[in-house]
Amino acid sequence: MAKTGQKTTLEELCKQFRLIEGEQYQFVFFDSSLAVYTGRNKFMLIIEHIRQQLWKQVVLPWKAWKNHCDIVYCNDYFAPFFHFNYKTVQVFHDALFYEYPQYCNAIWLQLFKGIAVPAARKSAFIITPTNYARERVHFFTKIPLERIIAIYQGPKTLETTNTEIPSWLPTQKSIPYLLHVGVLEKRKNIPNLLHAFKKLKDAGYPHQLVLIGKGNGKINSDDSKEIQKTIEQLALQDEIIMPGYLSDELLSVVYQNASLYVFPSINEGFGIPILEAFQFNLPVIVANNTCLPEVGVDAVISFDPFKPEDIYQKMALVLSDKKLQASMKQKGKERLNHFSWHKTATELLAVFEKAVQK
């Protein structure tokens, strides 16, 4: 599985661009030849930040100019500030840097405000994954709304598989389970999910909880320790399954066998796992904030993510009502028809064409 929604977005768009490429469109894919440092050494992290910005602000512009690019598309907030016979289109996946600055690395936050936002003001267009993100980016940056375009994303390419069910999955023991997939960051609000799950267990439900993913290793946003602490405090060690990151094949197996997908995040720009859950015919409940109700619409049931009692009540509501489950699954299938990476790529190409004509 991709470790972040940004990585999923980039991988899926590259697949689509390679399919579209031909006489009308030509794509050049640029990447750094050096591996990204992901450790915790402060000095090395500073070096990594500097190296990334040198690549984005010096190497990338040179490569784009050398390859006669008309558009430089950047999927990670940062685009070149200087333009050499090309225009830039960059993605702001959310407004997390403004809404929850305490979750961000201080150096990265200054780079974002000092480089990414000024570069965005020079870009032809800014892409956001939802209208919610579009409005929030406009609110904080004051970039005109007409230059910020919301383009929906799609689900990760996962297919139903006959891969053998792993021994650690609860269904091997005929135990149903709830599912959450994502990086174990503070904004994901997993401790409140755990408190709600404890209430569910106390009410007699036989389910276990499967958390797919790991912490990101970042001091400001990694919530792994708090999650483990909460599990121990609630004595849920035997009820929580945490296998880390999985291959796409195993992730498909986990989705296929789950009873309910729970998305308690307090800050999202899109929420790709909602669509992944729809793909595998899962009922989905989500936090009632940010973009999640926009993505799920009437196919999901929402809750207050700051109130474990409400999360518990909505979990119990769905798990105890087979007719409601069937209705949510059908609505999920219908809602999924509004999203595809082909559609995302097509709409993005229309933005590129519009940018060239400006």
Protein backbone atom coordinates (compact mmCIF):
# COMPACT_ATOMS: atom_id res chain seq x y z
CA MET A 1 0.00 0.00 0.00
CA ALA A 2 1.08 3.58 -0.55
CA LYS A 3 2.00 5.23 2.73
CA THR A 4 0.17 8.49 2.03
CA GLY A 5 -2.66 9.82 -0.08
CA GLN A 6 -0.16 12.04 -1.89
CA LYS A 7 1.85 9.01 -2.98
CA THR A 8 -1.29 7.19 -4.12
CA THR A 9 -2.36 10.25 -6.12
CA LEU A 10 1.01 10.54 -7.84
CA GLU A 11 1.21 6.83 -8.65
CA GLU A 12 -2.30 6.68 -10.08
CA LEU A 13 -1.92 9.86 -12.16
CA CYS A 14 1.38 8.65 -13.61
CA LYS A 15 -0.38 5.44 -14.71
CA GLN A 16 -3.10 7.47 -16.42
CA PHE A 17 -0.69 9.90 -18.08
CA ARG A 18 1.28 7.00 -19.53
CA LEU A 19 -1.94 5.61 -21.01
CA ILE A 20 -2.95 9.00 -22.46
CA GLU A 21 0.47 9.90 -23.85
CA GLY A 22 0.61 10.16 -27.63
CA GLU A 23 0.72 12.70 -30.43
CA GLN A 24 -1.38 15.27 -28.59
CA TYR A 25 0.31 15.02 -25.18
CA GLN A 26 3.85 14.22 -24.15
CA PHE A 27 4.86 13.72 -20.53
CA VAL A 28 8.28 13.89 -18.92
CA PHE A 29 8.56 12.38 -15.44
CA PHE A 30 11.20 13.97 -13.23
CA ASP A 31 12.53 12.50 -10.00
CA SER A 32 15.52 12.96 -7.73
CA SER A 33 18.26 10.35 -8.04
CA LEU A 34 18.90 10.48 -4.28
CA ALA A 35 16.80 8.61 -1.73
CA VAL A 36 14.81 10.76 0.70
CA TYR A 37 16.11 10.76 4.27
CA THR A 38 13.32 9.70 6.66
CA GLY A 39 15.21 9.32 9.95
CA ARG A 40 15.02 11.50 13.05
CA ASN A 41 18.48 13.04 13.13
CA LYS A 42 17.78 16.79 13.26
CA PHE A 43 20.89 17.77 11.32
CA MET A 44 20.14 15.27 8.57
CA LEU A 45 16.54 16.43 8.43
CA ILE A 46 17.67 20.03 7.89
CA ILE A 47 19.99 18.84 5.12
CA GLU A 48 17.11 16.89 3.57
CA HIS A 49 14.84 19.96 3.60
CA ILE A 50 17.56 22.04 1.93
CA ARG A 51 18.27 19.31 -0.62
CA GLN A 52 14.59 18.96 -1.52
CA GLN A 53 14.19 22.68 -2.06
CA LEU A 54 17.38 22.92 -4.11
CA TRP A 55 16.05 20.15 -6.34
CA LYS A 56 12.60 21.73 -6.64
CA GLN A 57 13.81 25.33 -7.11
CA VAL A 58 17.01 24.77 -9.12
CA VAL A 59 17.27 21.29 -10.66
CA LEU A 60 13.63 20.92 -11.67
CA PRO A 61 13.42 24.32 -13.45
CA TRP A 62 16.58 23.47 -15.37
CA LYS A 63 15.24 20.04 -16.36
CA ALA A 64 11.89 21.54 -17.38
CA TRP A 65 13.57 24.22 -19.51
CA LYS A 66 15.93 21.67 -21.09
CA ASN A 67 13.00 19.41 -22.02
CA HIS A 68 10.93 22.31 -23.43
CA CYS A 69 8.05 21.72 -21.02
CA ASP A 70 4.94 23.87 -21.36
CA ILE A 71 3.59 22.92 -17.94
CA VAL A 72 5.36 21.83 -14.76
CA TYR A 73 2.89 19.94 -12.57
CA CYS A 74 3.83 19.46 -8.91
CA ASN A 75 1.81 17.12 -6.72
CA ASP A 76 3.41 17.98 -3.35
CA TYR A 77 2.49 21.60 -2.52
CA PHE A 78 5.85 22.95 -3.75
CA ALA A 79 6.36 24.27 -7.30
CA PRO A 80 9.29 26.22 -8.79
CA PHE A 81 9.08 29.91 -7.98
CA PHE A 82 10.92 30.94 -11.16
CA HIS A 83 9.40 30.18 -14.55
CA PHE A 84 11.53 29.67 -17.67
CA ASN A 85 9.16 29.47 -20.64
CA TYR A 86 6.79 27.19 -18.75
CA LYS A 87 3.84 27.60 -16.41
CA THR A 88 3.24 25.77 -13.18
CA VAL A 89 0.22 23.94 -11.81
CA GLN A 90 0.56 22.74 -8.23
CA VAL A 91 -1.53 20.75 -5.81
CA PHE A 92 -2.55 21.78 -2.32
CA HIS A 93 -4.03 18.58 -0.89
CA ASP A 94 -5.41 20.39 2.15
CA ALA A 95 -4.88 23.37 4.43
CA LEU A 96 -3.31 21.36 7.27
CA PHE A 97 -0.32 23.70 7.46
CA TYR A 98 -2.66 26.50 8.47
CA GLU A 99 -5.33 24.60 10.39
CA TYR A 100 -3.03 22.42 12.51
CA PRO A 101 0.46 23.99 12.46
CA GLN A 102 1.33 22.11 15.67
CA TYR A 103 1.35 18.89 13.64
CA CYS A 104 3.94 20.23 11.20
CA ASN A 105 7.71 20.35 11.36
CA ALA A 106 8.76 23.95 12.12
CA ILE A 107 11.28 24.09 9.27
CA TRP A 108 8.84 22.59 6.79
CA LEU A 109 6.17 25.05 7.93
CA GLN A 110 8.46 28.01 7.25
CA LEU A 111 9.40 26.59 3.85
CA PHE A 112 5.73 26.15 3.04
CA LYS A 113 4.85 29.73 3.93
CA GLY A 114 8.05 31.19 2.48
CA ILE A 115 8.28 29.21 -0.76
CA ALA A 116 5.20 27.08 -1.52
CA VAL A 117 2.61 29.83 -1.04
CA PRO A 118 4.53 32.54 -2.98
CA ALA A 119 5.09 30.01 -5.78
CA ALA A 120 1.38 29.18 -5.72
CA ARG A 121 0.52 32.83 -6.23
CA LYS A 122 2.60 32.70 -9.44
CA SER A 123 1.16 29.38 -10.63
CA ALA A 124 -1.39 29.34 -13.42
CA PHE A 125 -3.72 27.22 -11.29
CA ILE A 126 -3.87 25.48 -7.93
CA ILE A 127 -5.50 22.05 -7.77
CA THR A 128 -7.32 20.85 -4.66
CA PRO A 129 -8.97 17.43 -4.26
CA THR A 130 -12.31 18.74 -2.93
CA ASN A 131 -14.39 21.90 -2.82
CA TYR A 132 -13.85 21.98 0.94
CA ALA A 133 -10.06 22.11 0.44
CA ARG A 134 -10.55 24.72 -2.31
CA GLU A 135 -12.44 27.03 0.04
CA ARG A 136 -9.93 26.58 2.88
CA VAL A 137 -6.88 27.19 0.67
CA HIS A 138 -8.54 30.34 -0.66
CA PHE A 139 -9.41 31.48 2.88
CA PHE A 140 -5.84 31.17 4.16
CA THR A 141 -3.80 32.16 1.08
CA LYS A 142 -6.20 34.72 -0.45
CA ILE A 143 -5.44 33.25 -3.88
CA PRO A 144 -8.52 34.05 -6.04
CA LEU A 145 -11.06 31.22 -6.15
CA GLU A 146 -11.09 31.26 -9.96
CA ARG A 147 -7.46 30.11 -9.93
CA ILE A 148 -8.15 27.26 -7.49
CA ILE A 149 -9.79 24.25 -9.13
CA ALA A 150 -11.22 21.26 -7.29
CA ILE A 151 -10.65 17.94 -9.06
CA TYR A 152 -11.80 14.79 -7.32
CA GLN A 153 -9.43 11.88 -6.94
CA GLY A 154 -10.18 8.18 -7.33
CA PRO A 155 -9.72 4.98 -5.35
CA LYS A 156 -6.39 3.21 -5.28
CA THR A 157 -6.22 0.45 -7.87
CA LEU A 158 -7.10 -2.55 -5.72
CA GLU A 159 -8.81 -5.66 -7.02
CA THR A 160 -10.66 -8.55 -5.43
CA THR A 161 -8.08 -11.25 -4.89
CA ASN A 162 -7.89 -14.94 -4.06
CA THR A 163 -4.79 -14.35 -1.93
CA GLU A 164 -4.83 -16.59 1.13
CA ILE A 165 -6.23 -14.94 4.24
CA PRO A 166 -3.33 -14.26 6.65
CA SER A 167 -3.38 -16.01 10.00
CA TRP A 168 -3.50 -12.74 11.94
CA LEU A 169 -6.76 -11.59 10.31
CA PRO A 170 -9.69 -12.09 12.76
CA THR A 171 -11.89 -13.81 10.14
CA GLN A 172 -9.52 -16.78 10.34
CA LYS A 173 -11.02 -17.25 13.81
CA SER A 174 -14.57 -16.40 12.64
CA ILE A 175 -14.37 -13.03 14.38
CA PRO A 176 -15.81 -9.98 12.54
CA TYR A 177 -13.78 -6.78 12.52
CA LEU A 178 -13.89 -3.05 11.92
CA LEU A 179 -11.28 -1.44 9.69
CA HIS A 180 -9.21 1.73 9.44
CA VAL A 181 -6.44 2.28 6.88
CA GLY A 182 -3.94 5.14 7.04
CA VAL A 183 -0.79 6.62 8.51
CA LEU A 184 -0.99 6.71 12.31
CA GLU A 185 -0.87 10.49 12.56
CA LYS A 186 -2.45 12.71 15.21
CA ARG A 187 -4.96 14.14 12.74
CA LYS A 188 -6.32 10.62 12.18
CA ASN A 189 -7.82 10.73 15.69
CA ILE A 190 -7.24 7.04 16.44
CA PRO A 191 -7.30 7.38 20.28
CA ASN A 192 -10.92 8.57 20.14
CA LEU A 193 -11.73 5.65 17.85
CA LEU A 194 -10.18 3.32 20.44
CA HIS A 195 -12.32 4.80 23.24
CA ALA A 196 -15.41 4.33 21.08
CA PHE A 197 -14.37 0.78 20.25
CA LYS A 198 -13.99 0.05 23.97
CA LYS A 199 -17.61 1.09 24.44
CA LEU A 200 -18.59 -1.24 21.61
CA LYS A 201 -16.81 -4.16 23.27
CA ASP A 202 -18.39 -3.34 26.63
CA ALA A 203 -21.78 -3.45 24.91
CA GLY A 204 -21.10 -7.05 23.94
CA TYR A 205 -20.14 -6.78 20.28
CA PRO A 206 -17.74 -9.56 19.21
CA HIS A 207 -15.79 -7.43 16.73
CA GLN A 208 -12.09 -6.68 16.73
CA LEU A 209 -10.45 -3.58 15.23
CA VAL A 210 -7.84 -3.76 12.46
CA LEU A 211 -5.60 -0.69 12.04
CA ILE A 212 -3.57 -0.83 8.82
CA GLY A 213 -0.54 1.47 8.67
CA LYS A 214 2.29 2.79 10.78
CA GLY A 215 3.43 6.05 12.33
CA ASN A 216 5.28 8.46 10.07
CA GLY A 217 8.26 8.86 12.42
CA LYS A 218 7.78 12.63 12.59
CA ILE A 219 8.01 14.21 16.02
CA ASN A 220 5.15 16.66 15.50
CA SER A 221 2.56 14.38 13.92
CA ASP A 222 3.34 10.73 14.74
CA ASP A 223 0.68 9.36 17.09
CA SER A 224 2.01 5.81 17.49
CA LYS A 225 3.00 6.16 21.15
CA GLU A 226 -0.32 7.67 22.17
CA ILE A 227 -2.17 4.95 20.31
CA GLN A 228 -0.22 2.21 22.07
CA LYS A 229 -0.70 3.95 25.41
CA THR A 230 -4.46 4.16 24.84
CA ILE A 231 -4.67 0.50 23.86
CA GLU A 232 -2.93 -0.48 27.10
CA GLN A 233 -5.02 1.86 29.24
CA LEU A 234 -8.22 0.39 27.82
CA ALA A 235 -6.90 -3.19 28.03
CA LEU A 236 -7.55 -3.75 24.34
CA GLN A 237 -4.28 -5.54 23.52
CA ASP A 238 -6.12 -8.70 22.44
CA GLU A 239 -8.74 -6.83 20.41
CA ILE A 240 -6.59 -4.56 18.20
CA ILE A 241 -4.74 -5.92 15.16
CA MET A 242 -1.90 -3.72 13.84
CA PRO A 243 -0.01 -5.44 10.99
CA GLY A 244 1.68 -2.28 9.69
CA TYR A 245 1.81 -1.58 5.96
CA LEU A 246 0.58 -4.27 3.58
CA SER A 247 1.01 -5.21 -0.05
CA ASP A 248 -1.91 -4.27 -2.29
CA GLU A 249 -2.92 -7.93 -2.46
CA LEU A 250 -3.14 -8.30 1.31
CA LEU A 251 -4.82 -4.92 1.67
CA SER A 252 -7.50 -6.14 -0.74
CA VAL A 253 -8.03 -9.23 1.43
CA VAL A 254 -8.44 -7.05 4.53
CA TYR A 255 -11.01 -4.83 2.82
CA GLN A 256 -12.90 -7.85 1.44
CA ASN A 257 -13.44 -9.40 4.86
CA ALA A 258 -14.22 -6.33 7.01
CA SER A 259 -17.66 -5.56 8.49
CA LEU A 260 -17.42 -1.76 8.64
CA TYR A 261 -14.98 1.00 7.69
CA VAL A 262 -14.54 3.78 10.29
CA PHE A 263 -12.91 7.11 9.34
CA PRO A 264 -12.53 9.33 12.46
CA SER A 265 -10.01 11.85 11.09
CA ILE A 266 -10.23 15.50 12.13
CA ASN A 267 -8.46 16.84 9.05
CA GLU A 268 -8.51 15.49 5.49
CA GLY A 269 -8.19 16.93 2.02
CA PHE A 270 -10.01 14.05 0.32
CA GLY A 271 -10.12 10.63 2.02
CA ILE A 272 -9.27 7.98 -0.57
CA PRO A 273 -10.03 5.05 1.83
CA ILE A 274 -13.73 5.98 1.61
CA LEU A 275 -13.66 5.06 -2.07
CA GLU A 276 -11.57 1.97 -1.40
CA ALA A 277 -14.18 0.81 1.11
CA PHE A 278 -16.94 1.47 -1.45
CA GLN A 279 -14.99 -0.66 -3.94
CA PHE A 280 -15.16 -3.61 -1.57
CA ASN A 281 -18.84 -3.13 -0.71
CA LEU A 282 -18.27 -1.92 2.85
CA PRO A 283 -20.60 0.34 4.81
CA VAL A 284 -18.67 3.47 5.82
CA ILE A 285 -19.01 5.89 8.72
CA VAL A 286 -16.98 9.11 8.78
CA ALA A 287 -16.23 12.17 10.87
CA ASN A 288 -18.66 15.00 10.21
CA ASN A 289 -15.91 17.49 9.39
CA THR A 290 -13.65 18.78 6.60
CA CYS A 291 -14.17 17.05 3.24
CA LEU A 292 -15.41 13.63 4.36
CA PRO A 293 -19.17 14.33 4.10
CA GLU A 294 -18.53 15.91 0.66
CA VAL A 295 -16.87 12.74 -0.61
CA GLY A 296 -19.31 10.30 0.94
CA VAL A 297 -22.55 12.34 0.65
CA ASP A 298 -25.56 10.12 1.50
CA ALA A 299 -23.59 6.87 1.17
CA VAL A 300 -21.98 7.40 4.58
CA ILE A 301 -23.18 8.06 8.11
CA SER A 302 -21.29 10.74 10.02
CA PHE A 303 -20.37 11.28 13.67
CA ASP A 304 -18.71 13.86 15.89
CA PRO A 305 -15.04 12.75 15.92
CA PHE A 306 -14.41 14.47 19.26
CA LYS A 307 -17.10 12.43 21.03
CA PRO A 308 -16.30 8.71 21.44
CA GLU A 309 -19.90 8.13 22.56
CA ASP A 310 -21.19 9.36 19.20
CA ILE A 311 -18.65 7.26 17.28
CA TYR A 312 -19.75 4.22 19.30
CA GLN A 313 -23.44 4.93 18.71
CA LYS A 314 -22.95 5.14 14.93
CA MET A 315 -20.85 1.96 14.87
CA ALA A 316 -23.50 0.11 16.85
CA LEU A 317 -26.29 1.52 14.67
CA VAL A 318 -24.77 0.15 11.47
CA LEU A 319 -23.54 -3.17 12.88
CA SER A 320 -26.96 -3.99 14.36
CA ASP A 321 -29.05 -3.16 11.27
CA LYS A 322 -28.66 -5.45 8.23
CA LYS A 323 -31.10 -3.43 6.13
CA LEU A 324 -29.14 -0.25 6.83
CA GLN A 325 -25.92 -2.02 5.86
CA ALA A 326 -27.42 -3.15 2.57
CA SER A 327 -28.67 0.36 1.81
CA MET A 328 -25.28 1.91 2.60
CA LYS A 329 -23.49 -0.63 0.41
CA GLN A 330 -25.78 0.12 -2.54
CA LYS A 331 -25.36 3.86 -2.09
CA GLY A 332 -21.60 3.35 -1.85
CA LYS A 333 -21.57 1.61 -5.24
CA GLU A 334 -23.57 4.44 -6.75
CA ARG A 335 -21.36 7.11 -5.21
CA LEU A 336 -18.21 5.37 -6.44
CA ASN A 337 -19.38 5.92 -10.04
CA HIS A 338 -18.56 9.62 -9.62
CA PHE A 339 -14.84 8.94 -9.16
CA SER A 340 -12.09 7.52 -11.35
CA TRP A 341 -8.46 8.29 -12.02
CA HIS A 342 -9.20 8.51 -15.74
CA LYS A 343 -11.67 11.28 -14.98
CA THR A 344 -9.15 12.97 -12.68
CA ALA A 345 -6.43 12.87 -15.37
CA THR A 346 -8.81 14.13 -18.07
CA GLU A 347 -9.92 17.09 -15.96
CA LEU A 348 -6.31 17.85 -15.10
CA LEU A 349 -5.33 17.86 -18.78
CA ALA A 350 -8.09 20.40 -19.41
CA VAL A 351 -6.50 22.61 -16.74
CA PHE A 352 -3.08 22.21 -18.41
CA GLU A 353 -4.57 23.31 -21.75
CA LYS A 354 -6.23 26.29 -20.13
CA ALA A 355 -2.93 27.23 -18.43
CA VAL A 356 -1.03 27.13 -21.71
CA GLN A 357 -3.56 29.47 -23.29
CA LYS A 358 -3.34 32.06 -20.48
